[in-house]
């Protein structure tokens, strides 16, 4: 039994006994103290007091029923004790008969334990890797991006299933503003980590916000290396997001290059489980031209292949220009595993975004309302008016104008 374990187990045991043990709040013991006062209040409060009393009693009773299961679960996960016993049990478990209440209390107890336990020192208990949920959200909430769905799902799933990756996973998202690059990045964080984008395993860097002055680039390099190293030490699986990547100084990209290289030196640290996302507007015009050409030829946008677009993207990114990609060594050393194109969004995609915005706020909507929101957006090119110039950006704000 390792150092610090006994206090943790005693603390958790006490917590569980207080919540659900014999004679606790969920039992039939004679009411005393504050509980007696609550029952008196019920008698005086009529139906409202009775409903409140029954709700509290139901939740506390659920805790009592579930506490034994949680203790077995945490003992198995944290100390590898009693796992076989738990697997051998037959019949329905309390958490299955009360899934919502059960999961809520499991999350509460897990968070409480990890506030002082050892499991979170490496961030392991914050990693969930919910691939099924990620796939469901990509299919249900990301509109008009068949290529992004395909590439992201395949790349992330294969990477996470690999027992020992040779290098970190590096994805470069390209496309116009509002097409879903940040949306997918946040979605990844939400499904890979329990705390989502707020997880200590996730670091987001915005070029003009975090690295605004080129004269301080040497200081930025030192800070960036330090932050990457500290995050990798904390979390075996880290997620690094670089927004507005085309505005990153080439020296900064070269500074983080060793973190993305193939893992062949133990002194580098445990970086091969990291994921790097670069979000850029570069290549947006090329992607739009290809999509428009397909439309003019009467071909569906779903016929556009990743291979065709990736070749065009590489050519544009390698052209001499004022962007960090062209002047860094990321491309010539093939450190970027996948270029992920985000296609321009059409009128019916904007309507789907508007529908999602209404649903997210629990508001009713009609087809007329969705059309009204979509018509407020600017569409290009001037002749065809095919693509939303802002993608779905600002759609959630625009629905305010159509509310009663």
Protein backbone atom coordinates (compact mmCIF):
# COMPACT_ATOMS: atom_id res chain seq x y z
CA UNK A 1 0.00 0.00 0.00
CA UNK A 2 1.64 3.22 -1.22
CA UNK A 3 2.26 6.33 0.77
CA UNK A 4 -0.84 8.50 1.22
CA UNK A 5 -3.25 5.68 0.39
CA UNK A 6 -4.59 4.98 3.89
CA UNK A 7 -5.88 8.53 4.50
CA UNK A 8 -7.49 8.57 1.06
CA UNK A 9 -9.31 5.30 1.65
CA UNK A 10 -10.39 6.24 5.13
CA UNK A 11 -11.62 9.58 3.86
CA UNK A 12 -13.60 7.97 1.07
CA UNK A 13 -15.00 5.32 3.40
CA UNK A 14 -16.17 7.99 5.82
CA UNK A 15 -17.75 9.92 2.99
CA UNK A 16 -19.63 6.86 1.72
CA UNK A 17 -20.78 5.87 5.22
CA UNK A 18 -22.07 9.36 5.85
CA UNK A 19 -23.92 9.41 2.56
CA UNK A 20 -25.39 5.93 2.43
CA UNK A 21 -24.45 3.81 5.45
CA UNK A 22 -26.77 2.09 7.88
CA UNK A 23 -28.81 4.60 9.87
CA UNK A 24 -27.88 7.40 7.46
CA UNK A 25 -30.20 9.93 5.91
CA UNK A 26 -31.66 7.40 3.49
CA UNK A 27 -32.54 4.84 6.22
CA UNK A 28 -35.62 4.26 8.38
CA UNK A 29 -33.97 5.47 11.58
CA UNK A 30 -36.00 7.75 13.83
CA UNK A 31 -35.60 11.35 12.63
CA UNK A 32 -33.38 13.49 14.78
CA UNK A 33 -31.92 17.00 14.62
CA UNK A 34 -32.13 18.78 11.23
CA UNK A 35 -33.92 15.83 9.63
CA UNK A 36 -36.74 16.10 12.19
CA UNK A 37 -36.97 19.81 11.41
CA UNK A 38 -37.26 19.02 7.70
CA UNK A 39 -40.14 16.64 8.33
CA UNK A 40 -41.86 19.26 10.49
CA UNK A 41 -41.47 21.69 7.63
CA UNK A 42 -43.11 19.15 5.33
CA UNK A 43 -46.14 18.92 7.60
CA UNK A 44 -46.45 22.70 7.60
CA UNK A 45 -45.55 23.28 3.95
CA UNK A 46 -48.32 21.25 2.32
CA UNK A 47 -47.85 19.82 -1.16
CA UNK A 48 -44.78 21.94 -1.99
CA UNK A 49 -43.02 20.85 1.20
CA UNK A 50 -44.01 17.20 0.61
CA UNK A 51 -42.67 17.23 -2.95
CA UNK A 52 -39.41 18.75 -1.78
CA UNK A 53 -39.12 16.18 1.00
CA UNK A 54 -39.76 13.26 -1.36
CA UNK A 55 -37.20 14.56 -3.89
CA UNK A 56 -34.49 14.87 -1.24
CA UNK A 57 -35.36 11.48 0.21
CA UNK A 58 -35.19 9.86 -3.24
CA UNK A 59 -31.72 11.22 -3.99
CA UNK A 60 -30.32 10.33 -0.59
CA UNK A 61 -31.79 6.86 -0.84
CA UNK A 62 -30.11 6.43 -4.22
CA UNK A 63 -26.77 7.32 -2.67
CA UNK A 64 -27.25 4.68 0.00
CA UNK A 65 -28.07 2.05 -2.61
CA UNK A 66 -25.14 2.94 -4.82
CA UNK A 67 -22.35 3.59 -2.33
CA UNK A 68 -21.25 -0.05 -2.13
CA UNK A 69 -20.99 -0.29 -5.90
CA UNK A 70 -18.96 2.92 -6.07
CA UNK A 71 -16.57 1.73 -3.40
CA UNK A 72 -15.98 -1.49 -5.37
CA UNK A 73 -15.60 0.48 -8.58
CA UNK A 74 -13.07 2.93 -7.16
CA UNK A 75 -11.17 0.21 -5.28
CA UNK A 76 -10.83 -1.66 -8.54
CA UNK A 77 -9.82 1.36 -10.65
CA UNK A 78 -7.50 3.00 -8.13
CA UNK A 79 -5.99 0.10 -6.18
CA UNK A 80 -6.84 -2.86 -8.45
CA UNK A 81 -8.62 -4.61 -5.56
CA UNK A 82 -11.86 -6.59 -5.82
CA UNK A 83 -12.05 -6.33 -9.62
CA UNK A 84 -12.75 -10.04 -10.10
CA UNK A 85 -15.47 -9.97 -7.50
CA UNK A 86 -17.17 -7.07 -9.23
CA UNK A 87 -17.02 -8.74 -12.63
CA UNK A 88 -18.45 -11.96 -11.22
CA UNK A 89 -21.58 -10.40 -9.77
CA UNK A 90 -24.81 -11.26 -11.52
CA UNK A 91 -28.09 -9.43 -11.81
CA UNK A 92 -28.79 -5.74 -12.36
CA UNK A 93 -26.62 -3.24 -10.55
CA UNK A 94 -27.92 -0.15 -8.78
CA UNK A 95 -26.25 2.14 -11.31
CA UNK A 96 -28.16 0.48 -14.13
CA UNK A 97 -31.55 0.76 -12.48
CA UNK A 98 -30.88 4.46 -11.73
CA UNK A 99 -28.50 5.47 -14.57
CA UNK A 100 -28.80 9.25 -14.32
CA UNK A 101 -28.71 9.50 -10.55
CA UNK A 102 -26.00 6.83 -10.39
CA UNK A 103 -23.71 8.54 -12.88
CA UNK A 104 -24.17 11.92 -11.18
CA UNK A 105 -23.04 10.56 -7.83
CA UNK A 106 -20.21 8.58 -9.41
CA UNK A 107 -18.93 11.80 -10.99
CA UNK A 108 -19.25 13.63 -7.65
CA UNK A 109 -17.36 10.96 -5.73
CA UNK A 110 -14.70 10.59 -8.42
CA UNK A 111 -14.12 14.34 -8.47
CA UNK A 112 -14.03 14.43 -4.67
CA UNK A 113 -11.47 11.64 -4.50
CA UNK A 114 -9.31 13.15 -7.24
CA UNK A 115 -9.20 16.46 -5.42
CA UNK A 116 -6.61 14.91 -3.11
CA UNK A 117 -5.86 11.47 -4.60
CA UNK A 118 -2.90 10.37 -6.65
CA UNK A 119 -4.78 9.42 -9.79
CA UNK A 120 -4.96 12.96 -11.19
CA UNK A 121 -1.30 13.80 -10.80
CA UNK A 122 -0.77 12.31 -14.27
CA UNK A 123 -4.14 13.40 -15.60
CA UNK A 124 -5.07 9.78 -16.29
CA UNK A 125 -8.46 9.98 -14.61
CA UNK A 126 -9.37 12.94 -16.80
CA UNK A 127 -8.92 11.02 -20.07
CA UNK A 128 -12.13 9.39 -21.35
CA UNK A 129 -11.56 8.93 -25.14
CA UNK A 130 -15.25 8.68 -25.98
CA UNK A 131 -14.87 7.74 -29.65
CA UNK A 132 -18.51 6.67 -29.97
CA UNK A 133 -19.72 10.06 -28.74
CA UNK A 134 -17.24 11.86 -31.00
CA UNK A 135 -18.51 10.01 -34.06
CA UNK A 136 -22.14 10.69 -33.13
CA UNK A 137 -21.53 14.43 -32.70
CA UNK A 138 -19.51 14.70 -35.91
CA UNK A 139 -22.34 13.03 -37.81
CA UNK A 140 -25.10 14.99 -36.12
CA UNK A 141 -23.66 18.48 -35.62
CA UNK A 142 -20.94 19.06 -38.25
CA UNK A 143 -22.69 20.02 -41.48
CA UNK A 144 -21.31 19.92 -45.02
CA UNK A 145 -17.93 18.49 -44.03
CA UNK A 146 -17.78 14.88 -45.20
CA UNK A 147 -13.99 15.08 -45.63
CA UNK A 148 -13.32 16.48 -42.15
CA UNK A 149 -15.55 13.81 -40.55
CA UNK A 150 -13.80 11.03 -42.43
CA UNK A 151 -10.23 12.17 -41.82
CA UNK A 152 -10.63 13.19 -38.17
CA UNK A 153 -12.45 10.01 -37.15
CA UNK A 154 -10.03 7.70 -38.94
CA UNK A 155 -6.90 9.50 -37.75
CA UNK A 156 -7.92 9.88 -34.11
CA UNK A 157 -9.36 6.39 -33.75
CA UNK A 158 -6.31 4.67 -35.25
CA UNK A 159 -3.98 6.82 -33.17
CA UNK A 160 -5.72 6.09 -29.87
CA UNK A 161 -5.93 2.37 -30.63
CA UNK A 162 -2.21 2.11 -31.38
CA UNK A 163 -0.38 0.54 -28.41
CA UNK A 164 2.75 2.61 -29.04
CA UNK A 165 2.58 5.37 -31.68
CA UNK A 166 5.83 6.29 -33.38
CA UNK A 167 5.06 9.99 -33.11
CA UNK A 168 2.35 12.38 -31.91
CA UNK A 169 -0.68 12.84 -34.12
CA UNK A 170 -0.49 16.13 -36.03
CA UNK A 171 -3.56 17.42 -37.88
CA UNK A 172 -3.73 20.66 -39.84
CA UNK A 173 -7.25 22.09 -40.35
CA UNK A 174 -7.72 24.38 -43.36
CA UNK A 175 -10.65 26.39 -44.66
CA UNK A 176 -12.58 29.63 -44.48
CA UNK A 177 -13.66 31.12 -41.18
CA UNK A 178 -16.89 29.67 -39.82
CA UNK A 179 -16.63 26.30 -41.57
CA UNK A 180 -16.13 24.31 -38.35
CA UNK A 181 -12.40 24.15 -37.55
CA UNK A 182 -12.73 25.46 -33.99
CA UNK A 183 -15.98 23.55 -33.58
CA UNK A 184 -14.26 20.21 -34.31
CA UNK A 185 -11.29 21.11 -32.10
CA UNK A 186 -13.62 21.78 -29.15
CA UNK A 187 -15.54 18.61 -29.95
CA UNK A 188 -12.32 16.58 -29.78
CA UNK A 189 -11.43 18.09 -26.42
CA UNK A 190 -14.93 17.39 -25.08
CA UNK A 191 -14.88 13.72 -26.07
CA UNK A 192 -11.27 12.92 -25.21
CA UNK A 193 -11.23 14.54 -21.74
CA UNK A 194 -13.72 14.56 -18.90
CA UNK A 195 -13.30 18.31 -18.36
CA UNK A 196 -13.36 19.10 -22.09
CA UNK A 197 -11.52 22.24 -23.26
CA UNK A 198 -11.04 23.22 -19.60
CA UNK A 199 -8.99 20.09 -18.89
CA UNK A 200 -5.43 20.53 -17.68
CA UNK A 201 -4.48 18.16 -20.50
CA UNK A 202 -5.69 20.66 -23.15
CA UNK A 203 -3.71 23.77 -24.08
CA UNK A 204 -4.99 26.34 -26.58
CA UNK A 205 -2.67 28.91 -28.16
CA UNK A 206 -4.00 31.79 -30.28
CA UNK A 207 -1.24 33.33 -32.36
CA UNK A 208 -2.00 37.03 -32.12
CA UNK A 209 -3.11 36.75 -28.49
CA UNK A 210 -0.32 34.63 -27.01
CA UNK A 211 2.52 35.63 -29.36
CA UNK A 212 1.68 39.16 -30.60
CA UNK A 213 5.18 40.71 -30.93
CA UNK A 214 7.91 39.25 -33.11
CA UNK A 215 10.62 41.03 -31.15
CA UNK A 216 9.83 38.77 -28.17
CA UNK A 217 9.94 35.56 -30.18
CA UNK A 218 12.88 34.13 -28.21
CA UNK A 219 10.97 34.59 -24.97
CA UNK A 220 7.87 33.05 -26.53
CA UNK A 221 9.90 30.02 -27.63
CA UNK A 222 11.15 29.37 -24.11
CA UNK A 223 7.68 29.79 -22.61
CA UNK A 224 6.07 27.58 -25.23
CA UNK A 225 8.58 24.76 -24.75
CA UNK A 226 8.10 24.95 -20.99
CA UNK A 227 4.31 24.81 -21.25
CA UNK A 228 4.39 21.85 -23.62
CA UNK A 229 6.81 19.96 -21.39
CA UNK A 230 4.80 20.62 -18.23
CA UNK A 231 1.55 19.51 -19.87
CA UNK A 232 3.09 16.28 -21.19
CA UNK A 233 4.50 15.51 -17.75
CA UNK A 234 1.05 16.06 -16.23
CA UNK A 235 -0.91 14.14 -18.87
CA UNK A 236 0.30 11.15 -20.82
CA UNK A 237 -2.20 12.11 -23.53
CA UNK A 238 -2.16 15.85 -24.20
CA UNK A 239 -4.03 17.96 -26.73
CA UNK A 240 -2.39 21.13 -28.11
CA UNK A 241 -4.47 23.49 -30.28
CA UNK A 242 -2.83 26.30 -32.27
CA UNK A 243 -5.43 28.71 -33.64
CA UNK A 244 -4.54 31.13 -36.47
CA UNK A 245 -1.55 28.88 -37.14
CA UNK A 246 -0.63 30.72 -40.35
CA UNK A 247 0.28 33.74 -38.20
CA UNK A 248 2.70 31.82 -35.99
CA UNK A 249 6.30 32.90 -36.40
CA UNK A 250 8.30 30.22 -38.19
CA UNK A 251 10.74 30.14 -35.26
CA UNK A 252 7.91 29.10 -32.95
CA UNK A 253 6.88 26.29 -35.29
CA UNK A 254 10.48 25.11 -35.46
CA UNK A 255 10.73 25.32 -31.67
CA UNK A 256 7.90 22.84 -31.19
CA UNK A 257 9.08 20.60 -34.03
CA UNK A 258 10.94 18.19 -31.68
CA UNK A 259 7.69 17.62 -29.77
CA UNK A 260 6.05 16.38 -32.99
CA UNK A 261 8.93 14.31 -34.37
CA UNK A 262 9.17 10.54 -34.31
CA UNK A 263 9.84 9.21 -30.85
CA UNK A 264 13.34 7.74 -30.88
CA UNK A 265 14.97 9.40 -27.89
CA UNK A 266 13.90 8.67 -24.32
CA UNK A 267 15.35 12.00 -23.20
CA UNK A 268 12.68 13.80 -25.23
CA UNK A 269 9.98 12.82 -22.80
CA UNK A 270 6.77 10.92 -23.36
CA UNK A 271 5.40 12.99 -26.27
CA UNK A 272 4.22 10.29 -28.65
CA UNK A 273 0.76 10.19 -27.06
CA UNK A 274 0.16 13.90 -27.73
CA UNK A 275 -2.18 15.34 -30.35
CA UNK A 276 -1.39 18.61 -32.16
CA UNK A 277 -4.07 20.57 -34.02
CA UNK A 278 -3.19 23.51 -36.27
CA UNK A 279 -6.15 25.67 -37.34
CA UNK A 280 -5.60 27.92 -40.33
CA UNK A 281 -7.47 29.93 -42.96
CA UNK A 282 -4.66 29.12 -45.41
CA UNK A 283 -5.84 27.09 -48.35
CA UNK A 284 -9.40 28.34 -47.98
CA UNK A 285 -9.47 29.90 -51.44
CA UNK A 286 -8.08 26.74 -53.03
CA UNK A 287 -10.67 24.59 -51.26
CA UNK A 288 -13.45 26.96 -52.35
CA UNK A 289 -12.30 26.97 -55.98
CA UNK A 290 -12.33 23.18 -56.11
CA UNK A 291 -15.80 23.04 -54.52
CA UNK A 292 -17.13 25.67 -56.94
CA UNK A 293 -15.66 23.82 -59.95
CA UNK A 294 -17.43 20.64 -58.86
CA UNK A 295 -20.73 22.53 -58.50
CA UNK A 296 -20.39 24.16 -61.93
CA UNK A 297 -19.68 20.77 -63.45
CA UNK A 298 -22.86 19.40 -61.89
CA UNK A 299 -20.98 17.12 -59.53
CA UNK A 300 -21.86 16.66 -55.86
CA UNK A 301 -19.44 18.06 -53.27
CA UNK A 302 -19.33 14.59 -51.69
CA UNK A 303 -17.37 13.43 -54.75
CA UNK A 304 -14.40 15.60 -53.72
CA UNK A 305 -11.64 13.36 -52.39
CA UNK A 306 -9.11 14.03 -49.65
CA UNK A 307 -6.23 13.00 -51.92
CA UNK A 308 -7.17 15.53 -54.60
CA UNK A 309 -7.51 18.42 -52.17
CA UNK A 310 -4.44 17.52 -50.09
CA UNK A 311 -2.20 17.78 -53.15
CA UNK A 312 -3.56 21.26 -53.93
CA UNK A 313 -3.20 22.32 -50.28
CA UNK A 314 0.43 21.23 -50.06
CA UNK A 315 1.27 23.21 -53.18
CA UNK A 316 -0.28 26.38 -51.77
CA UNK A 317 1.32 26.00 -48.33
CA UNK A 318 4.79 25.52 -49.84
CA UNK A 319 4.63 28.69 -51.92
CA UNK A 320 6.87 31.48 -50.61
CA UNK A 321 4.63 33.67 -48.52
CA UNK A 322 4.39 35.50 -45.24
CA UNK A 323 3.23 32.48 -43.29
CA UNK A 324 4.99 30.26 -40.78
CA UNK A 325 4.17 27.06 -42.63
CA UNK A 326 6.14 28.04 -45.73
CA UNK A 327 9.21 29.15 -43.76
CA UNK A 328 9.27 26.40 -41.14
CA UNK A 329 10.41 22.81 -41.58
CA UNK A 330 7.09 21.14 -40.78
CA UNK A 331 6.21 20.43 -44.40
CA UNK A 332 9.58 19.36 -45.74
CA UNK A 333 10.07 16.96 -42.83
CA UNK A 334 6.51 15.60 -43.22
CA UNK A 335 5.59 16.17 -39.59
CA UNK A 336 1.96 16.93 -40.44
CA UNK A 337 0.12 13.63 -40.69
CA UNK A 338 -3.13 14.83 -42.24
CA UNK A 339 -4.31 18.02 -43.93
CA UNK A 340 -8.01 18.33 -43.11
CA UNK A 341 -9.98 20.45 -45.62
CA UNK A 342 -13.14 22.24 -44.48
CA UNK A 343 -15.39 23.00 -47.45
CA UNK A 344 -17.38 26.26 -47.81
CA UNK A 345 -20.94 26.04 -46.45
CA UNK A 346 -24.03 26.42 -48.62
CA UNK A 347 -27.47 27.83 -47.83
CA UNK A 348 -28.96 24.57 -46.53
CA UNK A 349 -25.94 24.04 -44.25
CA UNK A 350 -26.51 27.46 -42.69
CA UNK A 351 -30.15 26.49 -42.05
CA UNK A 352 -28.96 23.36 -40.23
CA UNK A 353 -26.64 25.50 -38.10
CA UNK A 354 -29.57 27.79 -37.27
CA UNK A 355 -31.68 24.78 -36.29
CA UNK A 356 -28.91 23.57 -33.97
CA UNK A 357 -28.67 27.04 -32.41
CA UNK A 358 -32.41 27.04 -31.64
CA UNK A 359 -32.24 23.53 -30.19
CA UNK A 360 -29.18 24.34 -28.08
CA UNK A 361 -31.16 27.09 -26.37
CA UNK A 362 -34.32 25.01 -26.03
CA UNK A 363 -36.25 27.31 -28.36
CA UNK A 364 -38.95 26.30 -30.87
CA UNK A 365 -38.31 27.02 -34.54
CA UNK A 366 -40.03 26.84 -37.92
CA UNK A 367 -38.71 26.43 -41.46
CA UNK A 368 -39.66 30.05 -42.05
CA UNK A 369 -37.50 31.16 -39.11
CA UNK A 370 -34.55 29.10 -40.37
CA UNK A 371 -34.88 30.66 -43.82
CA UNK A 372 -35.02 34.14 -42.32
CA UNK A 373 -31.80 33.52 -40.39
CA UNK A 374 -30.02 32.09 -43.45
CA UNK A 375 -31.08 35.02 -45.64
CA UNK A 376 -29.31 37.48 -43.34
CA UNK A 377 -25.94 35.92 -44.24
CA UNK A 378 -23.75 37.10 -47.13
CA UNK A 379 -23.25 34.58 -49.95
CA UNK A 380 -20.50 34.50 -52.60
CA UNK A 381 -19.41 34.53 -55.40
CA UNK A 382 -21.39 37.47 -56.66
CA UNK A 383 -22.91 35.59 -59.58
CA UNK A 384 -23.87 32.27 -57.98
CA UNK A 385 -24.26 33.36 -54.32
CA UNK A 386 -23.48 29.78 -53.38
CA UNK A 387 -21.21 29.87 -50.29
CA UNK A 388 -21.74 31.65 -46.97
CA UNK A 389 -18.91 34.18 -46.62
CA UNK A 390 -18.94 33.67 -42.81
CA UNK A 391 -19.80 30.01 -42.79
CA UNK A 392 -21.97 29.44 -39.72
CA UNK A 393 -20.20 32.05 -37.62
CA UNK A 394 -22.61 34.49 -35.95
CA UNK A 395 -25.67 32.31 -36.67
CA UNK A 396 -26.32 31.73 -32.96
CA UNK A 397 -26.33 35.50 -32.39
CA UNK A 398 -28.60 36.22 -35.35
CA UNK A 399 -31.47 34.08 -34.10
CA UNK A 400 -32.03 36.70 -31.36
CA UNK A 401 -33.56 38.98 -34.00
CA UNK A 402 -36.25 36.43 -34.83
CA UNK A 403 -37.38 35.58 -31.34
CA UNK A 404 -40.87 36.74 -30.24
